[in-house]
Protein backbone atom coordinates (compact mmCIF):
# COMPACT_ATOMS: atom_id res chain seq x y z
CA UNK A 1 96.56 83.34 73.13
CA UNK A 2 95.21 82.14 69.89
CA UNK A 3 91.86 81.92 68.18
CA UNK A 4 91.85 78.14 68.32
CA UNK A 5 91.42 76.50 71.72
CA UNK A 6 93.38 73.36 70.77
CA UNK A 7 96.70 75.16 70.32
CA UNK A 8 99.10 74.80 73.23
CA UNK A 9 100.11 77.87 75.20
CA UNK A 10 103.42 79.29 73.94
CA UNK A 11 105.33 81.26 76.54
CA UNK A 12 106.43 84.72 75.50
CA UNK A 13 110.00 84.12 76.59
CA UNK A 14 111.90 81.18 78.06
CA UNK A 15 112.10 81.07 81.80
CA UNK A 16 115.53 81.62 83.29
CA UNK A 17 117.23 78.42 84.32
CA UNK A 18 119.75 78.23 87.15
CA UNK A 19 123.15 77.23 85.79
CA UNK A 20 125.26 75.19 88.17
CA UNK A 21 128.49 76.78 89.36
CA UNK A 22 130.58 74.13 87.63
CA UNK A 23 129.07 72.46 84.57
CA UNK A 24 131.46 69.51 84.94
CA UNK A 25 130.84 67.75 88.26
CA UNK A 26 133.72 65.68 89.65
CA UNK A 27 133.88 61.97 88.90
CA UNK A 28 133.66 59.37 91.63
CA UNK A 29 136.56 59.58 94.04
CA UNK A 30 137.83 62.97 92.76
CA UNK A 31 137.77 66.18 94.69
CA UNK A 32 136.15 69.16 93.07
CA UNK A 33 138.54 71.80 91.77
CA UNK A 34 137.58 75.42 92.28
CA UNK A 35 135.76 76.88 89.33
CA UNK A 36 136.19 80.45 88.15
CA UNK A 37 132.65 81.43 89.12
CA UNK A 38 132.78 79.67 92.51
CA UNK A 39 132.90 82.07 95.43
CA UNK A 40 136.27 82.30 97.13
CA UNK A 41 136.21 80.67 100.56
CA UNK A 42 138.83 82.98 102.02
CA UNK A 43 137.66 86.58 101.63
CA UNK A 44 141.15 87.97 102.36
CA UNK A 45 142.74 86.16 99.40
CA UNK A 46 142.42 87.84 95.99
CA UNK A 47 141.37 85.71 93.07
CA UNK A 48 144.03 85.04 90.43
CA UNK A 49 144.35 87.92 88.02
CA UNK A 50 145.91 88.57 84.63
CA UNK A 51 146.48 92.24 85.41
CA UNK A 52 149.90 93.52 84.39
CA UNK A 53 151.25 96.07 86.81
CA UNK A 54 153.31 97.90 84.16
CA UNK A 55 150.38 98.21 81.75
CA UNK A 56 149.07 101.66 80.89
CA UNK A 57 145.43 102.05 79.88
CA UNK A 58 146.39 104.83 77.45
CA UNK A 59 148.37 102.33 75.34
CA UNK A 60 145.18 100.51 74.39
CA UNK A 61 143.40 101.44 71.14
CA UNK A 62 140.20 103.37 71.66
CA UNK A 63 138.37 101.95 68.64
CA UNK A 64 138.42 98.39 67.38
CA UNK A 65 140.96 98.11 64.58
CA UNK A 66 140.18 95.77 61.69
CA UNK A 67 142.76 93.03 61.53
CA UNK A 68 143.76 91.58 58.21
CA UNK A 69 144.53 87.92 58.85
CA UNK A 70 147.19 87.81 56.14
CA UNK A 71 149.01 90.83 57.57
CA UNK A 72 148.85 89.37 61.06
CA UNK A 73 150.27 86.09 59.79
CA UNK A 74 152.98 87.97 57.92
CA UNK A 75 153.96 89.91 61.05
CA UNK A 76 154.06 86.65 62.98
CA UNK A 77 156.05 84.74 60.35
CA UNK A 78 158.36 87.62 59.40
CA UNK A 79 158.66 90.03 62.32
CA UNK A 80 160.06 93.44 61.42
CA UNK A 81 163.77 93.79 62.02
CA UNK A 82 165.62 96.49 63.81
CA UNK A 83 165.73 99.89 62.11
CA UNK A 84 168.82 100.31 59.93
CA UNK A 85 171.84 102.23 61.14
CA UNK A 86 173.39 105.14 59.23
CA UNK A 87 175.33 102.84 56.92
CA UNK A 88 172.17 100.86 56.11
CA UNK A 89 170.22 104.04 55.40
CA UNK A 90 173.01 105.30 53.13
CA UNK A 91 173.09 101.97 51.24
CA UNK A 92 169.30 102.06 50.81
CA UNK A 93 169.50 105.63 49.49
CA UNK A 94 172.26 104.66 47.03
CA UNK A 95 170.16 101.75 45.75
CA UNK A 96 167.14 104.02 45.31
CA UNK A 97 169.22 106.65 43.48
CA UNK A 98 170.79 104.03 41.21
CA UNK A 99 167.39 102.64 40.28
CA UNK A 100 166.06 106.11 39.45
CA UNK A 101 169.10 106.91 37.29
CA UNK A 102 168.75 103.62 35.39
CA UNK A 103 165.01 104.20 34.92
CA UNK A 104 165.57 107.76 33.62
CA UNK A 105 168.31 106.55 31.26
CA UNK A 106 166.12 103.81 29.81
CA UNK A 107 163.23 106.27 29.44
CA UNK A 108 165.45 108.74 27.58
CA UNK A 109 167.00 106.01 25.40
CA UNK A 110 163.53 104.95 24.28
CA UNK A 111 161.66 108.24 23.95
CA UNK A 112 164.53 110.62 23.08
CA UNK A 113 166.70 108.63 20.66
CA UNK A 114 166.99 111.62 18.32
CA UNK A 115 169.13 113.43 20.91
CA UNK A 116 171.78 110.72 20.64
CA UNK A 117 171.84 111.22 16.88
CA UNK A 118 172.12 115.01 17.26
CA UNK A 119 174.91 114.71 19.82
CA UNK A 120 176.91 112.26 17.71
CA UNK A 121 176.66 114.59 14.65
CA UNK A 122 178.06 117.52 16.67
CA UNK A 123 181.21 115.63 17.73
CA UNK A 124 184.51 115.62 15.85
CA UNK A 125 184.77 112.71 13.40
CA UNK A 126 186.49 109.64 14.73
CA UNK A 127 186.07 105.93 15.27
CA UNK A 128 183.97 106.30 18.47
CA UNK A 129 181.67 109.04 17.19
CA UNK A 130 181.13 107.26 13.87
CA UNK A 131 180.22 104.06 15.71
CA UNK A 132 177.88 105.93 18.09
CA UNK A 133 176.22 107.75 15.16
CA UNK A 134 175.61 104.50 13.24
CA UNK A 135 174.25 102.76 16.34
CA UNK A 136 172.05 105.78 17.07
CA UNK A 137 170.67 105.75 13.53
CA UNK A 138 169.78 102.05 13.75
CA UNK A 139 168.32 102.52 17.25
CA UNK A 140 166.18 105.48 16.13
CA UNK A 141 164.89 103.53 13.09
CA UNK A 142 163.91 100.55 15.26
CA UNK A 143 162.10 102.77 17.77
CA UNK A 144 160.34 104.64 14.94
CA UNK A 145 158.90 101.30 13.80
CA UNK A 146 157.51 100.79 17.31
CA UNK A 147 156.14 104.34 17.43
CA UNK A 148 158.24 105.44 20.40
CA UNK A 149 159.28 108.62 18.56
CA UNK A 150 155.70 109.90 18.20
CA UNK A 151 155.51 111.70 21.60
CA UNK A 152 158.70 113.62 20.82
CA UNK A 153 157.43 114.51 17.36
CA UNK A 154 154.10 115.71 18.79
CA UNK A 155 155.86 117.99 21.29
CA UNK A 156 158.18 119.29 18.59
CA UNK A 157 155.28 120.00 16.19
CA UNK A 158 153.34 121.77 18.97
CA UNK A 159 156.35 123.94 19.75
CA UNK A 160 156.91 124.85 16.09
CA UNK A 161 153.18 125.58 15.58
CA UNK A 162 153.10 127.92 18.57
CA UNK A 163 156.34 129.59 17.47
CA UNK A 164 155.07 130.16 13.94
CA UNK A 165 151.57 131.23 14.99
CA UNK A 166 150.45 134.77 14.19
CA UNK A 167 149.73 136.22 17.60
CA UNK A 168 147.29 139.09 17.34
CA UNK A 169 148.71 142.34 18.69
CA UNK A 170 152.25 141.03 18.93
CA UNK A 171 154.81 142.76 16.72
CA UNK A 172 156.74 140.40 14.45
CA UNK A 173 160.48 140.24 14.73
């Protein structure tokens, strides 16, 4: 209904339309193939099914899982291999340990170069210790220019300040 009488009547909702059983009728001279929605002529014959007899309903996810298209493509293109045997696990552990040792060594060489100098000064004089001491001196000077010795100096200064502090109520030695 509208206020103007010239407007056409607009239905509130479209009327349902009967959809044919098969939207693609056969061409001339062809026989019609059974369509999925067509009733089965023989009531004793079951319709074709995609049911898997060995399937378990408890294997299905209960909530829809978001699927990342890139991950799905990666799993398709590069399927995961078999789990490694004991030798493979041991090799993986050795690689991990080697990487950690190298990383710790590099970290100590950069941020604790003064320890190399101290160690080389404590050794008996000789060709090797003299060479190590000279290399350590040059290495420490280069790292000092980059500022890599500042964290060690800050920790050392904090330790000395706390050691030399006058703690109230604590007898001095």
